[in-house]
Amino acid sequence: MGPPGVGDSSLVVRPLRPYQMVACATPQYLSRSAPLEHPEDLQQHQCLLIRLPAPEWLE
């Protein structure tokens, strides 16, 4: 976890809160793209990342 290239071994990474991720695609995109079989496959796809405020139940 964390940004690539951070070499300071004194840093500790801890999750702050749970989060939920949702992946959406149009049927047209999926018909012309390589199939998605594992979350890692998303690295080979055109993705738009949007961060939204946490839902009330997480507060």
N, C-alpha and C. Protein backbone atom coordinates (compact mmCIF):
# COMPACT_ATOMS: atom_id res chain seq x y z
N MET A 1 0.83 -1.19 0.00
CA MET A 1 0.00 0.00 0.00
C MET A 1 0.87 1.24 0.00
N GLY A 2 0.36 2.29 -0.53
CA GLY A 2 1.10 3.54 -0.54
C GLY A 2 1.63 3.83 -1.92
N PRO A 3 2.13 5.05 -2.10
CA PRO A 3 2.63 5.43 -3.42
C PRO A 3 3.90 4.68 -3.78
N PRO A 4 4.06 4.32 -5.04
CA PRO A 4 5.29 3.64 -5.45
C PRO A 4 6.49 4.55 -5.29
N GLY A 5 7.60 3.96 -4.98
CA GLY A 5 8.84 4.71 -4.88
C GLY A 5 9.10 5.32 -3.50
N VAL A 6 8.22 5.08 -2.54
CA VAL A 6 8.47 5.59 -1.20
C VAL A 6 9.43 4.63 -0.53
N GLY A 7 10.64 5.09 -0.26
CA GLY A 7 11.67 4.21 0.25
C GLY A 7 11.94 4.33 1.74
N ASP A 8 11.20 5.16 2.45
CA ASP A 8 11.44 5.35 3.88
C ASP A 8 10.84 4.17 4.64
N SER A 9 11.69 3.28 5.15
CA SER A 9 11.22 2.09 5.83
C SER A 9 10.65 2.39 7.21
N SER A 10 10.73 3.62 7.68
CA SER A 10 10.15 3.96 8.98
C SER A 10 8.66 4.27 8.87
N LEU A 11 8.14 4.34 7.63
CA LEU A 11 6.72 4.61 7.43
C LEU A 11 5.90 3.35 7.67
N VAL A 12 4.73 3.54 8.26
CA VAL A 12 3.81 2.43 8.52
C VAL A 12 2.50 2.75 7.83
N VAL A 13 1.94 1.79 7.12
CA VAL A 13 0.66 1.98 6.43
C VAL A 13 -0.41 1.23 7.21
N ARG A 14 -1.48 1.94 7.54
CA ARG A 14 -2.61 1.34 8.24
C ARG A 14 -3.89 1.80 7.57
N PRO A 15 -4.84 0.89 7.38
CA PRO A 15 -6.13 1.33 6.83
C PRO A 15 -6.85 2.22 7.83
N LEU A 16 -7.43 3.32 7.34
CA LEU A 16 -8.13 4.25 8.23
C LEU A 16 -9.59 3.89 8.38
N ARG A 17 -10.23 3.47 7.31
CA ARG A 17 -11.63 3.07 7.34
C ARG A 17 -11.89 2.09 6.22
N PRO A 18 -12.92 1.32 6.38
CA PRO A 18 -13.29 0.45 5.25
C PRO A 18 -13.82 1.30 4.10
N TYR A 19 -13.69 0.82 2.91
CA TYR A 19 -14.24 1.53 1.76
C TYR A 19 -14.84 0.52 0.80
N GLN A 20 -15.64 1.02 -0.07
CA GLN A 20 -16.32 0.18 -1.04
C GLN A 20 -15.96 0.66 -2.44
N MET A 21 -15.69 -0.26 -3.33
CA MET A 21 -15.36 0.09 -4.70
C MET A 21 -16.41 -0.51 -5.62
N VAL A 22 -16.79 0.26 -6.62
CA VAL A 22 -17.77 -0.19 -7.60
C VAL A 22 -17.18 0.02 -8.98
N ALA A 23 -17.26 -0.99 -9.82
CA ALA A 23 -16.80 -0.88 -11.20
C ALA A 23 -18.02 -0.96 -12.11
N CYS A 24 -18.13 -0.01 -13.03
CA CYS A 24 -19.26 0.05 -13.97
C CYS A 24 -18.71 0.18 -15.38
N ALA A 25 -19.44 -0.38 -16.35
CA ALA A 25 -19.05 -0.25 -17.74
C ALA A 25 -20.29 -0.38 -18.61
N THR A 26 -20.25 0.29 -19.75
CA THR A 26 -21.37 0.16 -20.69
C THR A 26 -21.25 -1.16 -21.43
N PRO A 27 -22.36 -1.69 -21.90
CA PRO A 27 -22.29 -2.92 -22.71
C PRO A 27 -21.40 -2.75 -23.95
N GLN A 28 -21.40 -1.56 -24.54
CA GLN A 28 -20.58 -1.30 -25.72
C GLN A 28 -19.09 -1.42 -25.38
N TYR A 29 -18.68 -0.84 -24.25
CA TYR A 29 -17.27 -0.93 -23.85
C TYR A 29 -16.88 -2.39 -23.63
N LEU A 30 -17.72 -3.12 -22.91
CA LEU A 30 -17.41 -4.52 -22.61
C LEU A 30 -17.36 -5.38 -23.87
N SER A 31 -18.17 -5.06 -24.87
CA SER A 31 -18.19 -5.87 -26.09
C SER A 31 -16.93 -5.70 -26.93
N ARG A 32 -16.23 -4.57 -26.76
CA ARG A 32 -15.02 -4.34 -27.57
C ARG A 32 -13.73 -4.43 -26.75
N SER A 33 -13.83 -4.84 -25.48
CA SER A 33 -12.66 -4.89 -24.60
C SER A 33 -12.37 -6.32 -24.16
N ALA A 34 -11.16 -6.51 -23.67
CA ALA A 34 -10.78 -7.81 -23.12
C ALA A 34 -11.68 -8.13 -21.92
N PRO A 35 -12.01 -9.40 -21.73
CA PRO A 35 -12.89 -9.75 -20.62
C PRO A 35 -12.24 -9.49 -19.26
N LEU A 36 -13.07 -9.14 -18.30
CA LEU A 36 -12.62 -8.95 -16.92
C LEU A 36 -12.90 -10.23 -16.14
N GLU A 37 -11.85 -10.84 -15.63
CA GLU A 37 -12.01 -12.05 -14.85
C GLU A 37 -11.56 -11.86 -13.41
N HIS A 38 -10.66 -10.91 -13.19
CA HIS A 38 -10.11 -10.65 -11.86
C HIS A 38 -9.96 -9.14 -11.68
N PRO A 39 -10.02 -8.64 -10.44
CA PRO A 39 -9.85 -7.19 -10.23
C PRO A 39 -8.56 -6.64 -10.85
N GLU A 40 -7.51 -7.45 -10.88
CA GLU A 40 -6.24 -7.00 -11.45
C GLU A 40 -6.37 -6.68 -12.95
N ASP A 41 -7.37 -7.27 -13.61
CA ASP A 41 -7.58 -7.02 -15.04
C ASP A 41 -7.92 -5.55 -15.32
N LEU A 42 -8.41 -4.83 -14.32
CA LEU A 42 -8.75 -3.42 -14.51
C LEU A 42 -7.54 -2.58 -14.90
N GLN A 43 -6.35 -3.05 -14.58
CA GLN A 43 -5.14 -2.30 -14.93
C GLN A 43 -4.97 -2.19 -16.44
N GLN A 44 -5.58 -3.10 -17.19
CA GLN A 44 -5.47 -3.09 -18.65
C GLN A 44 -6.64 -2.36 -19.32
N HIS A 45 -7.49 -1.73 -18.53
CA HIS A 45 -8.67 -1.06 -19.06
C HIS A 45 -8.62 0.44 -18.82
N GLN A 46 -9.39 1.17 -19.60
CA GLN A 46 -9.53 2.61 -19.40
C GLN A 46 -10.48 2.83 -18.23
N CYS A 47 -9.98 3.41 -17.15
CA CYS A 47 -10.80 3.58 -15.95
C CYS A 47 -10.86 5.05 -15.55
N LEU A 48 -11.97 5.44 -15.04
CA LEU A 48 -12.17 6.76 -14.48
C LEU A 48 -12.44 6.57 -13.00
N LEU A 49 -11.60 7.14 -12.16
CA LEU A 49 -11.73 6.98 -10.71
C LEU A 49 -12.38 8.22 -10.12
N ILE A 50 -13.40 8.01 -9.33
CA ILE A 50 -14.11 9.11 -8.68
C ILE A 50 -14.22 8.79 -7.19
N ARG A 51 -13.81 9.72 -6.37
CA ARG A 51 -13.92 9.55 -4.92
C ARG A 51 -15.14 10.33 -4.44
N LEU A 52 -16.03 9.63 -3.76
CA LEU A 52 -17.25 10.26 -3.26
C LEU A 52 -17.20 10.32 -1.73
N PRO A 53 -17.97 11.22 -1.12
CA PRO A 53 -18.01 11.27 0.34
C PRO A 53 -18.50 9.94 0.90
N ALA A 54 -18.04 9.62 2.09
CA ALA A 54 -18.43 8.38 2.75
C ALA A 54 -19.93 8.40 3.04
N PRO A 55 -20.61 7.26 2.85
CA PRO A 55 -22.01 7.20 3.21
C PRO A 55 -22.21 7.40 4.70
N GLU A 56 -23.39 7.82 5.08
CA GLU A 56 -23.68 8.11 6.49
C GLU A 56 -23.41 6.93 7.40
N TRP A 57 -23.66 5.71 6.92
CA TRP A 57 -23.49 4.55 7.80
C TRP A 57 -22.03 4.30 8.16
N LEU A 58 -21.08 4.93 7.44
CA LEU A 58 -19.67 4.79 7.80
C LEU A 58 -19.24 5.79 8.85
N GLU A 59 -19.99 6.86 9.00
CA GLU A 59 -19.60 7.93 9.92
C GLU A 59 -19.72 7.46 11.37
